[in-house]
Amino acid sequence: MNFSSTQSEIEALFSQVGDVVEVFVPTDRASGRPRGFAFVEYTEESAAAKAIEELDGKELGGRQIRVTEAQDRPPRRPPSFSGGDFPPFAPGGGGGGGGGDRRAKPKGSRRNIRGKKRSL
């Protein structure tokens, strides 16, 4: 979708297929510009299926659009810090040169650590 396409242009195109309930155009938080896609909600599922069939590949604002059914976002995984740097929020972590494979020291007393090693 063209980044300069407005909500009313999108609604005008998609209302040719059926009754549009809402058009949502997500914007970038930093710049406030549209992110290049939109969500269109119809009153009936049959109108949405018809829009996918008829409008997929059409041109809007000089760019070809792709029309598909919205998918739920997959759940986000927590970040993995199994590498050289500490997590950016840890005190003294991130940045700094030196390189090497620095790992966080294990917590607990030495006796605790030795006991864990013996049990392996």
PDB file of N, CA and C in Angstrom:
ATOM      1  N   MET A   1       0.841  -1.172   0.000  1.00  0.00           N
ATOM      2  CA  MET A   1       0.000   0.000   0.000  1.00  0.00           C
ATOM      3  C   MET A   1       0.893   1.243   0.000  1.00  0.00           C
ATOM      4  N   ASN A   2       0.486   2.253  -0.691  1.00  0.00           N
ATOM      5  CA  ASN A   2       1.223   3.500  -0.746  1.00  0.00           C
ATOM      6  C   ASN A   2       1.167   4.181   0.623  1.00  0.00           C
ATOM      7  N   PHE A   3       2.301   4.734   1.066  1.00  0.00           N
ATOM      8  CA  PHE A   3       2.353   5.370   2.383  1.00  0.00           C
ATOM      9  C   PHE A   3       1.530   6.649   2.440  1.00  0.00           C
ATOM     10  N   SER A   4       1.197   7.224   1.297  1.00  0.00           N
ATOM     11  CA  SER A   4       0.410   8.461   1.286  1.00  0.00           C
ATOM     12  C   SER A   4      -1.091   8.195   1.136  1.00  0.00           C
ATOM     13  N   SER A   5      -1.498   6.932   1.070  1.00  0.00           N
ATOM     14  CA  SER A   5      -2.928   6.616   0.956  1.00  0.00           C
ATOM     15  C   SER A   5      -3.637   7.003   2.248  1.00  0.00           C
ATOM     16  N   THR A   6      -4.783   7.640   2.090  1.00  0.00           N
ATOM     17  CA  THR A   6      -5.528   8.089   3.270  1.00  0.00           C
ATOM     18  C   THR A   6      -6.599   7.066   3.644  1.00  0.00           C
ATOM     19  N   GLN A   7      -7.099   7.229   4.846  1.00  0.00           N
ATOM     20  CA  GLN A   7      -8.142   6.335   5.342  1.00  0.00           C
ATOM     21  C   GLN A   7      -9.389   6.428   4.466  1.00  0.00           C
ATOM     22  N   SER A   8      -9.727   7.616   4.004  1.00  0.00           N
ATOM     23  CA  SER A   8     -10.926   7.779   3.177  1.00  0.00           C
ATOM     24  C   SER A   8     -10.749   7.134   1.794  1.00  0.00           C
ATOM     25  N   GLU A   9      -9.536   7.180   1.224  1.00  0.00           N
ATOM     26  CA  GLU A   9      -9.282   6.518  -0.058  1.00  0.00           C
ATOM     27  C   GLU A   9      -9.433   5.002   0.073  1.00  0.00           C
ATOM     28  N   ILE A  10      -8.906   4.473   1.161  1.00  0.00           N
ATOM     29  CA  ILE A  10      -8.993   3.033   1.397  1.00  0.00           C
ATOM     30  C   ILE A  10     -10.453   2.629   1.591  1.00  0.00           C
ATOM     31  N   GLU A  11     -11.172   3.419   2.373  1.00  0.00           N
ATOM     32  CA  GLU A  11     -12.588   3.123   2.612  1.00  0.00           C
ATOM     33  C   GLU A  11     -13.390   3.196   1.327  1.00  0.00           C
ATOM     34  N   ALA A  12     -13.089   4.161   0.465  1.00  0.00           N
ATOM     35  CA  ALA A  12     -13.811   4.295  -0.809  1.00  0.00           C
ATOM     36  C   ALA A  12     -13.592   3.069  -1.694  1.00  0.00           C
ATOM     37  N   LEU A  13     -12.353   2.577  -1.752  1.00  0.00           N
ATOM     38  CA  LEU A  13     -12.065   1.409  -2.575  1.00  0.00           C
ATOM     39  C   LEU A  13     -12.755   0.161  -2.022  1.00  0.00           C
ATOM     40  N   PHE A  14     -12.639  -0.064  -0.732  1.00  0.00           N
ATOM     41  CA  PHE A  14     -13.168  -1.287  -0.148  1.00  0.00           C
ATOM     42  C   PHE A  14     -14.690  -1.259   0.017  1.00  0.00           C
ATOM     43  N   SER A  15     -15.300  -0.088   0.039  1.00  0.00           N
ATOM     44  CA  SER A  15     -16.765  -0.025   0.142  1.00  0.00           C
ATOM     45  C   SER A  15     -17.444  -0.407  -1.167  1.00  0.00           C
ATOM     46  N   GLN A  16     -16.693  -0.521  -2.262  1.00  0.00           N
ATOM     47  CA  GLN A  16     -17.249  -0.989  -3.529  1.00  0.00           C
ATOM     48  C   GLN A  16     -17.670  -2.454  -3.431  1.00  0.00           C
ATOM     49  N   VAL A  17     -17.095  -3.162  -2.484  1.00  0.00           N
ATOM     50  CA  VAL A  17     -17.345  -4.599  -2.336  1.00  0.00           C
ATOM     51  C   VAL A  17     -18.442  -4.884  -1.319  1.00  0.00           C
ATOM     52  N   GLY A  18     -18.526  -4.071  -0.260  1.00  0.00           N
ATOM     53  CA  GLY A  18     -19.520  -4.299   0.785  1.00  0.00           C
ATOM     54  C   GLY A  18     -19.510  -3.160   1.789  1.00  0.00           C
ATOM     55  N   ASP A  19     -20.370  -3.291   2.814  1.00  0.00           N
ATOM     56  CA  ASP A  19     -20.487  -2.250   3.834  1.00  0.00           C
ATOM     57  C   ASP A  19     -19.294  -2.314   4.793  1.00  0.00           C
ATOM     58  N   VAL A  20     -18.510  -1.233   4.817  1.00  0.00           N
ATOM     59  CA  VAL A  20     -17.327  -1.155   5.670  1.00  0.00           C
ATOM     60  C   VAL A  20     -17.725  -0.614   7.037  1.00  0.00           C
ATOM     61  N   VAL A  21     -17.300  -1.308   8.089  1.00  0.00           N
ATOM     62  CA  VAL A  21     -17.558  -0.863   9.457  1.00  0.00           C
ATOM     63  C   VAL A  21     -16.463   0.096   9.897  1.00  0.00           C
ATOM     64  N   GLU A  22     -15.203  -0.295   9.667  1.00  0.00           N
ATOM     65  CA  GLU A  22     -14.086   0.516  10.138  1.00  0.00           C
ATOM     66  C   GLU A  22     -12.854   0.272   9.274  1.00  0.00           C
ATOM     67  N   VAL A  23     -12.052   1.321   9.101  1.00  0.00           N
ATOM     68  CA  VAL A  23     -10.754   1.229   8.448  1.00  0.00           C
ATOM     69  C   VAL A  23      -9.728   1.743   9.450  1.00  0.00           C
ATOM     70  N   PHE A  24      -8.734   0.917   9.755  1.00  0.00           N
ATOM     71  CA  PHE A  24      -7.699   1.297  10.713  1.00  0.00           C
ATOM     72  C   PHE A  24      -6.353   1.286   9.999  1.00  0.00           C
ATOM     73  N   VAL A  25      -5.673   2.425  10.002  1.00  0.00           N
ATOM     74  CA  VAL A  25      -4.367   2.563   9.363  1.00  0.00           C
ATOM     75  C   VAL A  25      -3.328   2.772  10.472  1.00  0.00           C
ATOM     76  N   PRO A  26      -2.550   1.739  10.825  1.00  0.00           N
ATOM     77  CA  PRO A  26      -1.532   1.897  11.869  1.00  0.00           C
ATOM     78  C   PRO A  26      -0.445   2.880  11.450  1.00  0.00           C
ATOM     79  N   THR A  27       0.038   3.671  12.408  1.00  0.00           N
ATOM     80  CA  THR A  27       1.089   4.645  12.133  1.00  0.00           C
ATOM     81  C   THR A  27       2.325   4.338  12.958  1.00  0.00           C
ATOM     82  N   ASP A  28       3.457   4.800  12.468  1.00  0.00           N
ATOM     83  CA  ASP A  28       4.726   4.639  13.155  1.00  0.00           C
ATOM     84  C   ASP A  28       4.756   5.564  14.367  1.00  0.00           C
ATOM     85  N   ARG A  29       5.196   5.046  15.501  1.00  0.00           N
ATOM     86  CA  ARG A  29       5.213   5.861  16.728  1.00  0.00           C
ATOM     87  C   ARG A  29       6.174   7.040  16.625  1.00  0.00           C
ATOM     88  N   ALA A  30       7.319   6.809  16.029  1.00  0.00           N
ATOM     89  CA  ALA A  30       8.344   7.852  15.982  1.00  0.00           C
ATOM     90  C   ALA A  30       8.008   8.959  14.986  1.00  0.00           C
ATOM     91  N   SER A  31       7.619   8.578  13.769  1.00  0.00           N
ATOM     92  CA  SER A  31       7.420   9.583  12.723  1.00  0.00           C
ATOM     93  C   SER A  31       5.962   9.988  12.540  1.00  0.00           C
ATOM     94  N   GLY A  32       5.029   9.133  12.966  1.00  0.00           N
ATOM     95  CA  GLY A  32       3.613   9.428  12.773  1.00  0.00           C
ATOM     96  C   GLY A  32       3.112   9.092  11.377  1.00  0.00           C
ATOM     97  N   ARG A  33       3.996   8.571  10.521  1.00  0.00           N
ATOM     98  CA  ARG A  33       3.610   8.196   9.155  1.00  0.00           C
ATOM     99  C   ARG A  33       2.909   6.850   9.153  1.00  0.00           C
ATOM    100  N   PRO A  34       2.021   6.607   8.175  1.00  0.00           N
ATOM    101  CA  PRO A  34       1.401   5.283   8.054  1.00  0.00           C
ATOM    102  C   PRO A  34       2.465   4.214   7.835  1.00  0.00           C
ATOM    103  N   ARG A  35       2.204   3.012   8.307  1.00  0.00           N
ATOM    104  CA  ARG A  35       3.184   1.929   8.235  1.00  0.00           C
ATOM    105  C   ARG A  35       3.103   1.124   6.940  1.00  0.00           C
ATOM    106  N   GLY A  36       2.164   1.444   6.056  1.00  0.00           N
ATOM    107  CA  GLY A  36       2.110   0.782   4.758  1.00  0.00           C
ATOM    108  C   GLY A  36       1.087  -0.330   4.668  1.00  0.00           C
ATOM    109  N   PHE A  37       0.220  -0.452   5.671  1.00  0.00           N
ATOM    110  CA  PHE A  37      -0.853  -1.440   5.615  1.00  0.00           C
ATOM    111  C   PHE A  37      -2.044  -0.911   6.391  1.00  0.00           C
ATOM    112  N   ALA A  38      -3.186  -1.571   6.216  1.00  0.00           N
ATOM    113  CA  ALA A  38      -4.409  -1.136   6.896  1.00  0.00           C
ATOM    114  C   ALA A  38      -5.277  -2.354   7.197  1.00  0.00           C
ATOM    115  N   PHE A  39      -6.196  -2.179   8.123  1.00  0.00           N
ATOM    116  CA  PHE A  39      -7.180  -3.207   8.459  1.00  0.00           C
ATOM    117  C   PHE A  39      -8.556  -2.668   8.101  1.00  0.00           C
ATOM    118  N   VAL A  40      -9.317  -3.468   7.348  1.00  0.00           N
ATOM    119  CA  VAL A  40     -10.661  -3.081   6.947  1.00  0.00           C
ATOM    120  C   VAL A  40     -11.628  -4.098   7.524  1.00  0.00           C
ATOM    121  N   GLU A  41     -12.645  -3.602   8.234  1.00  0.00           N
ATOM    122  CA  GLU A  41     -13.640  -4.491   8.845  1.00  0.00           C
ATOM    123  C   GLU A  41     -14.979  -4.298   8.136  1.00  0.00           C
ATOM    124  N   TYR A  42     -15.583  -5.434   7.759  1.00  0.00           N
ATOM    125  CA  TYR A  42     -16.869  -5.418   7.067  1.00  0.00           C
ATOM    126  C   TYR A  42     -17.981  -5.868   8.018  1.00  0.00           C
ATOM    127  N   THR A  43     -19.221  -5.557   7.639  1.00  0.00           N
ATOM    128  CA  THR A  43     -20.364  -5.993   8.440  1.00  0.00           C
ATOM    129  C   THR A  43     -20.597  -7.494   8.286  1.00  0.00           C
ATOM    130  N   GLU A  44     -20.242  -8.050   7.120  1.00  0.00           N
ATOM    131  CA  GLU A  44     -20.466  -9.481   6.859  1.00  0.00           C
ATOM    132  C   GLU A  44     -19.170 -10.146   6.398  1.00  0.00           C
ATOM    133  N   GLU A  45     -18.989 -11.398   6.796  1.00  0.00           N
ATOM    134  CA  GLU A  45     -17.797 -12.149   6.395  1.00  0.00           C
ATOM    135  C   GLU A  45     -17.756 -12.380   4.886  1.00  0.00           C
ATOM    136  N   SER A  46     -18.936 -12.500   4.273  1.00  0.00           N
ATOM    137  CA  SER A  46     -18.971 -12.741   2.825  1.00  0.00           C
ATOM    138  C   SER A  46     -18.391 -11.553   2.062  1.00  0.00           C
ATOM    139  N   ALA A  47     -18.585 -10.343   2.577  1.00  0.00           N
ATOM    140  CA  ALA A  47     -18.022  -9.152   1.930  1.00  0.00           C
ATOM    141  C   ALA A  47     -16.501  -9.151   2.041  1.00  0.00           C
ATOM    142  N   ALA A  48     -15.979  -9.618   3.175  1.00  0.00           N
ATOM    143  CA  ALA A  48     -14.524  -9.698   3.357  1.00  0.00           C
ATOM    144  C   ALA A  48     -13.923 -10.705   2.382  1.00  0.00           C
ATOM    145  N   ALA A  49     -14.581 -11.858   2.222  1.00  0.00           N
ATOM    146  CA  ALA A  49     -14.095 -12.869   1.278  1.00  0.00           C
ATOM    147  C   ALA A  49     -14.137 -12.330  -0.152  1.00  0.00           C
ATOM    148  N   LYS A  50     -15.178 -11.582  -0.470  1.00  0.00           N
ATOM    149  CA  LYS A  50     -15.305 -10.992  -1.800  1.00  0.00           C
ATOM    150  C   LYS A  50     -14.213  -9.940  -2.037  1.00  0.00           C
ATOM    151  N   ALA A  51     -13.884  -9.164  -1.005  1.00  0.00           N
ATOM    152  CA  ALA A  51     -12.825  -8.152  -1.121  1.00  0.00           C
ATOM    153  C   ALA A  51     -11.474  -8.812  -1.379  1.00  0.00           C
ATOM    154  N   ILE A  52     -11.207  -9.918  -0.698  1.00  0.00           N
ATOM    155  CA  ILE A  52      -9.956 -10.641  -0.908  1.00  0.00           C
ATOM    156  C   ILE A  52      -9.874 -11.125  -2.345  1.00  0.00           C
ATOM    157  N   GLU A  53     -10.994 -11.660  -2.833  1.00  0.00           N
ATOM    158  CA  GLU A  53     -11.028 -12.212  -4.188  1.00  0.00           C
ATOM    159  C   GLU A  53     -10.901 -11.128  -5.254  1.00  0.00           C
ATOM    160  N   GLU A  54     -11.608 -10.020  -5.072  1.00  0.00           N
ATOM    161  CA  GLU A  54     -11.679  -9.001  -6.129  1.00  0.00           C
ATOM    162  C   GLU A  54     -10.592  -7.921  -6.047  1.00  0.00           C
ATOM    163  N   LEU A  55     -10.155  -7.577  -4.846  1.00  0.00           N
ATOM    164  CA  LEU A  55      -9.246  -6.433  -4.714  1.00  0.00           C
ATOM    165  C   LEU A  55      -7.777  -6.811  -4.580  1.00  0.00           C
ATOM    166  N   ASP A  56      -7.492  -8.081  -4.354  1.00  0.00           N
ATOM    167  CA  ASP A  56      -6.096  -8.494  -4.235  1.00  0.00           C
ATOM    168  C   ASP A  56      -5.396  -8.278  -5.573  1.00  0.00           C
ATOM    169  N   GLY A  57      -4.319  -7.502  -5.572  1.00  0.00           N
ATOM    170  CA  GLY A  57      -3.581  -7.212  -6.800  1.00  0.00           C
ATOM    171  C   GLY A  57      -4.001  -5.918  -7.475  1.00  0.00           C
ATOM    172  N   LYS A  58      -5.071  -5.280  -6.989  1.00  0.00           N
ATOM    173  CA  LYS A  58      -5.508  -3.999  -7.572  1.00  0.00           C
ATOM    174  C   LYS A  58      -4.491  -2.918  -7.207  1.00  0.00           C
ATOM    175  N   GLU A  59      -4.634  -1.765  -7.854  1.00  0.00           N
ATOM    176  CA  GLU A  59      -3.734  -0.654  -7.604  1.00  0.00           C
ATOM    177  C   GLU A  59      -4.433   0.415  -6.781  1.00  0.00           C
ATOM    178  N   LEU A  60      -3.719   0.937  -5.793  1.00  0.00           N
ATOM    179  CA  LEU A  60      -4.224   2.025  -4.950  1.00  0.00           C
ATOM    180  C   LEU A  60      -3.077   3.003  -4.747  1.00  0.00           C
ATOM    181  N   GLY A  61      -3.247   4.218  -5.192  1.00  0.00           N
ATOM    182  CA  GLY A  61      -2.204   5.231  -5.035  1.00  0.00           C
ATOM    183  C   GLY A  61      -0.935   4.913  -5.796  1.00  0.00           C
ATOM    184  N   GLY A  62      -1.058   4.223  -6.916  1.00  0.00           N
ATOM    185  CA  GLY A  62       0.105   3.912  -7.731  1.00  0.00           C
ATOM    186  C   GLY A  62       0.858   2.657  -7.317  1.00  0.00           C
ATOM    187  N   ARG A  63       0.365   1.950  -6.305  1.00  0.00           N
ATOM    188  CA  ARG A  63       1.023   0.713  -5.873  1.00  0.00           C
ATOM    189  C   ARG A  63       0.015  -0.425  -5.830  1.00  0.00           C
ATOM    190  N   GLN A  64       0.500  -1.601  -6.151  1.00  0.00           N
ATOM    191  CA  GLN A  64      -0.344  -2.788  -6.114  1.00  0.00           C
ATOM    192  C   GLN A  64      -0.558  -3.172  -4.648  1.00  0.00           C
ATOM    193  N   ILE A  65      -1.802  -3.497  -4.288  1.00  0.00           N
ATOM    194  CA  ILE A  65      -2.090  -3.864  -2.899  1.00  0.00           C
ATOM    195  C   ILE A  65      -2.296  -5.364  -2.775  1.00  0.00           C
ATOM    196  N   ARG A  66      -2.004  -5.867  -1.615  1.00  0.00           N
ATOM    197  CA  ARG A  66      -2.235  -7.283  -1.308  1.00  0.00           C
ATOM    198  C   ARG A  66      -3.334  -7.334  -0.262  1.00  0.00           C
ATOM    199  N   VAL A  67      -4.389  -8.065  -0.551  1.00  0.00           N
ATOM    200  CA  VAL A  67      -5.532  -8.155   0.349  1.00  0.00           C
ATOM    201  C   VAL A  67      -5.616  -9.585   0.869  1.00  0.00           C
ATOM    202  N   THR A  68      -5.477  -9.744   2.172  1.00  0.00           N
ATOM    203  CA  THR A  68      -5.562 -11.052   2.815  1.00  0.00           C
ATOM    204  C   THR A  68      -6.367 -10.924   4.101  1.00  0.00           C
ATOM    205  N   GLU A  69      -6.728 -12.065   4.655  1.00  0.00           N
ATOM    206  CA  GLU A  69      -7.414 -12.068   5.939  1.00  0.00           C
ATOM    207  C   GLU A  69      -6.390 -11.788   7.031  1.00  0.00           C
ATOM    208  N   ALA A  70      -6.760 -10.975   8.003  1.00  0.00           N
ATOM    209  CA  ALA A  70      -5.848 -10.647   9.099  1.00  0.00           C
ATOM    210  C   ALA A  70      -5.563 -11.893   9.925  1.00  0.00           C
ATOM    211  N   GLN A  71      -4.302 -12.041  10.314  1.00  0.00           N
ATOM    212  CA  GLN A  71      -3.879 -13.176  11.137  1.00  0.00           C
ATOM    213  C   GLN A  71      -3.504 -12.667  12.522  1.00  0.00           C
ATOM    214  N   ASP A  72      -3.760 -13.486  13.546  1.00  0.00           N
ATOM    215  CA  ASP A  72      -3.332 -13.125  14.891  1.00  0.00           C
ATOM    216  C   ASP A  72      -1.815 -13.111  14.937  1.00  0.00           C
ATOM    217  N   ARG A  73      -1.292 -12.202  15.724  1.00  0.00           N
ATOM    218  CA  ARG A  73       0.148 -12.116  15.893  1.00  0.00           C
ATOM    219  C   ARG A  73       0.644 -13.304  16.700  1.00  0.00           C
ATOM    220  N   PRO A  74       1.753 -13.901  16.303  1.00  0.00           N
ATOM    221  CA  PRO A  74       2.285 -14.995  17.123  1.00  0.00           C
ATOM    222  C   PRO A  74       2.775 -14.439  18.461  1.00  0.00           C
ATOM    223  N   PRO A  75       2.712 -15.236  19.525  1.00  0.00           N
ATOM    224  CA  PRO A  75       3.168 -14.721  20.818  1.00  0.00           C
ATOM    225  C   PRO A  75       4.650 -14.373  20.762  1.00  0.00           C
ATOM    226  N   ARG A  76       5.021 -13.297  21.462  1.00  0.00           N
ATOM    227  CA  ARG A  76       6.407 -12.845  21.455  1.00  0.00           C
ATOM    228  C   ARG A  76       7.233 -13.674  22.411  1.00  0.00           C
ATOM    229  N   ARG A  77       8.430 -14.042  21.959  1.00  0.00           N
ATOM    230  CA  ARG A  77       9.346 -14.766  22.824  1.00  0.00           C
ATOM    231  C   ARG A  77      10.172 -13.750  23.598  1.00  0.00           C
ATOM    232  N   PRO A  78      10.514 -14.077  24.837  1.00  0.00           N
ATOM    233  CA  PRO A  78      11.400 -13.160  25.555  1.00  0.00           C
ATOM    234  C   PRO A  78      12.766 -13.162  24.883  1.00  0.00           C
ATOM    235  N   PRO A  79      13.481 -12.053  24.952  1.00  0.00           N
ATOM    236  CA  PRO A  79      14.779 -11.992  24.287  1.00  0.00           C
ATOM    237  C   PRO A  79      15.753 -12.987  24.894  1.00  0.00           C
ATOM    238  N   SER A  80      16.600 -13.520  24.069  1.00  0.00           N
ATOM    239  CA  SER A  80      17.598 -14.486  24.496  1.00  0.00           C
ATOM    240  C   SER A  80      18.942 -13.776  24.585  1.00  0.00           C
ATOM    241  N   PHE A  81      19.598 -13.896  25.721  1.00  0.00           N
ATOM    242  CA  PHE A  81      20.885 -13.234  25.913  1.00  0.00           C
ATOM    243  C   PHE A  81      21.994 -14.268  26.037  1.00  0.00           C
ATOM    244  N   SER A  82      21.985 -15.266  25.191  1.00  0.00           N
ATOM    245  CA  SER A  82      23.008 -16.303  25.250  1.00  0.00           C
ATOM    246  C   SER A  82      24.141 -15.956  24.302  1.00  0.00           C
ATOM    247  N   GLY A  83      24.767 -14.859  24.559  1.00  0.00           N
ATOM    248  CA  GLY A  83      25.853 -14.436  23.698  1.00  0.00           C
ATOM    249  C   GLY A  83      26.852 -13.637  24.484  1.00  0.00           C
ATOM    250  N   GLY A  84      27.627 -12.820  23.810  1.00  0.00           N
ATOM    251  CA  GLY A  84      28.697 -12.087  24.447  1.00  0.00           C
ATOM    252  C   GLY A  84      28.243 -10.948  25.326  1.00  0.00           C
ATOM    253  N   ASP A  85      27.188 -10.247  24.968  1.00  0.00           N
ATOM    254  CA  ASP A  85      26.792  -9.064  25.735  1.00  0.00           C
ATOM    255  C   ASP A  85      25.763  -9.388  26.792  1.00  0.00           C
ATOM    256  N   PHE A  86      25.772  -8.546  27.806  1.00  0.00           N
ATOM    257  CA  PHE A  86      24.751  -8.632  28.845  1.00  0.00           C
ATOM    258  C   PHE A  86      23.489  -7.977  28.319  1.00  0.00           C
ATOM    259  N   PRO A  87      22.341  -8.239  28.939  1.00  0.00           N
ATOM    260  CA  PRO A  87      21.133  -7.543  28.501  1.00  0.00           C
ATOM    261  C   PRO A  87      21.317  -6.036  28.683  1.00  0.00           C
ATOM    262  N   PRO A  88      20.723  -5.226  27.823  1.00  0.00           N
ATOM    263  CA  PRO A  88      20.948  -3.788  27.872  1.00  0.00           C
ATOM    264  C   PRO A  88      20.467  -3.140  29.162  1.00  0.00           C
ATOM    265  N   PHE A  89      19.581  -3.780  29.908  1.00  0.00           N
ATOM    266  CA  PHE A  89      19.051  -3.173  31.117  1.00  0.00           C
ATOM    267  C   PHE A  89      19.830  -3.569  32.355  1.00  0.00           C
ATOM    268  N   ALA A  90      20.810  -4.465  32.224  1.00  0.00           N
ATOM    269  CA  ALA A  90      21.597  -4.897  33.380  1.00  0.00           C
ATOM    270  C   ALA A  90      22.640  -3.841  33.712  1.00  0.00           C
ATOM    271  N   PRO A  91      22.900  -3.624  35.000  1.00  0.00           N
ATOM    272  CA  PRO A  91      23.916  -2.633  35.357  1.00  0.00           C
ATOM    273  C   PRO A  91      25.270  -3.043  34.796  1.00  0.00           C
ATOM    274  N   GLY A  92      25.919  -2.125  34.130  1.00  0.00           N
ATOM    275  CA  GLY A  92      27.236  -2.385  33.570  1.00  0.00           C
ATOM    276  C   GLY A  92      27.210  -3.238  32.324  1.00  0.00           C
ATOM    277  N   GLY A  93      26.034  -3.513  31.787  1.00  0.00           N
ATOM    278  CA  GLY A  93      25.937  -4.398  30.626  1.00  0.00           C
ATOM    279  C   GLY A  93      25.919  -3.634  29.332  1.00  0.00           C
ATOM    280  N   GLY A  94      25.987  -4.362  28.242  1.00  0.00           N
ATOM    281  CA  GLY A  94      25.903  -3.777  26.914  1.00  0.00           C
ATOM    282  C   GLY A  94      27.127  -2.951  26.571  1.00  0.00           C
ATOM    283  N   GLY A  95      27.232  -2.616  25.331  1.00  0.00           N
ATOM    284  CA  GLY A  95      28.290  -1.741  24.864  1.00  0.00           C
ATOM    285  C   GLY A  95      29.681  -2.132  25.336  1.00  0.00           C
ATOM    286  N   GLY A  96      30.525  -1.234  25.448  1.00  0.00           N
ATOM    287  CA  GLY A  96      31.862  -1.415  25.984  1.00  0.00           C
ATOM    288  C   GLY A  96      32.778  -2.236  25.115  1.00  0.00           C
ATOM    289  N   GLY A  97      33.640  -2.332  24.612  1.00  0.00           N
ATOM    290  CA  GLY A  97      34.505  -3.192  23.807  1.00  0.00           C
ATOM    291  C   GLY A  97      35.001  -4.360  24.606  1.00  0.00           C
ATOM    292  N   GLY A  98      36.200  -4.711  24.411  1.00  0.00           N
ATOM    293  CA  GLY A  98      36.780  -5.818  25.150  1.00  0.00           C
ATOM    294  C   GLY A  98      36.487  -7.149  24.515  1.00  0.00           C
ATOM    295  N   GLY A  99      35.355  -7.317  23.943  1.00  0.00           N
ATOM    296  CA  GLY A  99      34.988  -8.553  23.260  1.00  0.00           C
ATOM    297  C   GLY A  99      35.016  -9.739  24.185  1.00  0.00           C
ATOM    298  N   GLY A 100      35.267 -10.892  23.641  1.00  0.00           N
ATOM    299  CA  GLY A 100      35.299 -12.100  24.447  1.00  0.00           C
ATOM    300  C   GLY A 100      33.903 -12.569  24.760  1.00  0.00           C
ATOM    301  N   ASP A 101      33.820 -13.742  25.337  1.00  0.00           N
ATOM    302  CA  ASP A 101      32.533 -14.310  25.682  1.00  0.00           C
ATOM    303  C   ASP A 101      32.303 -14.114  27.175  1.00  0.00           C
ATOM    304  N   ARG A 102      31.796 -12.954  27.550  1.00  0.00           N
ATOM    305  CA  ARG A 102      31.556 -12.653  28.956  1.00  0.00           C
ATOM    306  C   ARG A 102      30.191 -13.183  29.348  1.00  0.00           C
ATOM    307  N   ARG A 103      30.153 -13.911  30.400  1.00  0.00           N
ATOM    308  CA  ARG A 103      28.887 -14.435  30.910  1.00  0.00           C
ATOM    309  C   ARG A 103      28.690 -13.925  32.334  1.00  0.00           C
ATOM    310  N   ALA A 104      27.454 -13.797  32.743  1.00  0.00           N
ATOM    311  CA  ALA A 104      27.146 -13.345  34.097  1.00  0.00           C
ATOM    312  C   ALA A 104      27.589 -14.403  35.091  1.00  0.00           C
ATOM    313  N   LYS A 105      28.103 -13.958  36.244  1.00  0.00           N
ATOM    314  CA  LYS A 105      28.525 -14.900  37.274  1.00  0.00           C
ATOM    315  C   LYS A 105      27.294 -15.527  37.898  1.00  0.00           C
ATOM    316  N   PRO A 106      27.375 -16.821  38.220  1.00  0.00           N
ATOM    317  CA  PRO A 106      26.222 -17.460  38.850  1.00  0.00           C
ATOM    318  C   PRO A 106      25.991 -16.907  40.249  1.00  0.00           C
ATOM    319  N   LYS A 107      24.749 -16.875  40.653  1.00  0.00           N
ATOM    320  CA  LYS A 107      24.383 -16.387  41.978  1.00  0.00           C
ATOM    321  C   LYS A 107      24.541 -17.510  42.995  1.00  0.00           C
ATOM    322  N   GLY A 108      24.702 -17.163  44.245  1.00  0.00           N
ATOM    323  CA  GLY A 108      24.755 -18.155  45.303  1.00  0.00           C
ATOM    324  C   GLY A 108      26.153 -18.322  45.861  1.00  0.00           C
ATOM    325  N   SER A 109      26.244 -19.048  46.965  1.00  0.00           N
ATOM    326  CA  SER A 109      27.538 -19.251  47.624  1.00  0.00           C
ATOM    327  C   SER A 109      28.356 -20.285  46.881  1.00  0.00           C
ATOM    328  N   ARG A 110      29.657 -20.321  47.157  1.00  0.00           N
ATOM    329  CA  ARG A 110      30.538 -21.299  46.527  1.00  0.00           C
ATOM    330  C   ARG A 110      30.119 -22.715  46.890  1.00  0.00           C
ATOM    331  N   ARG A 111      29.719 -22.914  48.126  1.00  0.00           N
ATOM    332  CA  ARG A 111      29.321 -24.246  48.571  1.00  0.00           C
ATOM    333  C   ARG A 111      28.129 -24.724  47.731  1.00  0.00           C
ATOM    334  N   ASN A 112      27.220 -23.831  47.488  1.00  0.00           N
ATOM    335  CA  ASN A 112      26.045 -24.142  46.664  1.00  0.00           C
ATOM    336  C   ASN A 112      26.467 -24.555  45.257  1.00  0.00           C
ATOM    337  N   ILE A 113      27.411 -23.837  44.669  1.00  0.00           N
ATOM    338  CA  ILE A 113      27.860 -24.122  43.313  1.00  0.00           C
ATOM    339  C   ILE A 113      28.568 -25.460  43.273  1.00  0.00           C
ATOM    340  N   ARG A 114      29.453 -25.735  44.277  1.00  0.00           N
ATOM    341  CA  ARG A 114      30.156 -27.010  44.293  1.00  0.00           C
ATOM    342  C   ARG A 114      29.179 -28.165  44.418  1.00  0.00           C
ATOM    343  N   GLY A 115      28.151 -27.986  45.245  1.00  0.00           N
ATOM    344  CA  GLY A 115      27.127 -29.027  45.394  1.00  0.00           C
ATOM    345  C   GLY A 115      26.407 -29.300  44.091  1.00  0.00           C
ATOM    346  N   LYS A 116      26.138 -28.255  43.341  1.00  0.00           N
ATOM    347  CA  LYS A 116      25.459 -28.425  42.049  1.00  0.00           C
ATOM    348  C   LYS A 116      26.355 -29.165  41.078  1.00  0.00           C
ATOM    349  N   LYS A 117      27.661 -28.846  41.098  1.00  0.00           N
ATOM    350  CA  LYS A 117      28.594 -29.525  40.193  1.00  0.00           C
ATOM    351  C   LYS A 117      28.681 -31.011  40.528  1.00  0.00           C
ATOM    352  N   ARG A 118      28.702 -31.341  41.813  1.00  0.00           N
ATOM    353  CA  ARG A 118      28.791 -32.746  42.212  1.00  0.00           C
ATOM    354  C   ARG A 118      27.572 -33.536  41.778  1.00  0.00           C
ATOM    355  N   SER A 119      26.416 -32.893  41.784  1.00  0.00           N
ATOM    356  CA  SER A 119      25.190 -33.607  41.443  1.00  0.00           C
ATOM    357  C   SER A 119      25.064 -33.887  39.953  1.00  0.00           C
ATOM    358  N   LEU A 120      25.884 -33.265  39.159  1.00  0.00           N
ATOM    359  CA  LEU A 120      25.811 -33.492  37.711  1.00  0.00           C
ATOM    360  C   LEU A 120      26.455 -34.745  37.377  1.00  0.00           C
TER     361      LEU A 120
END
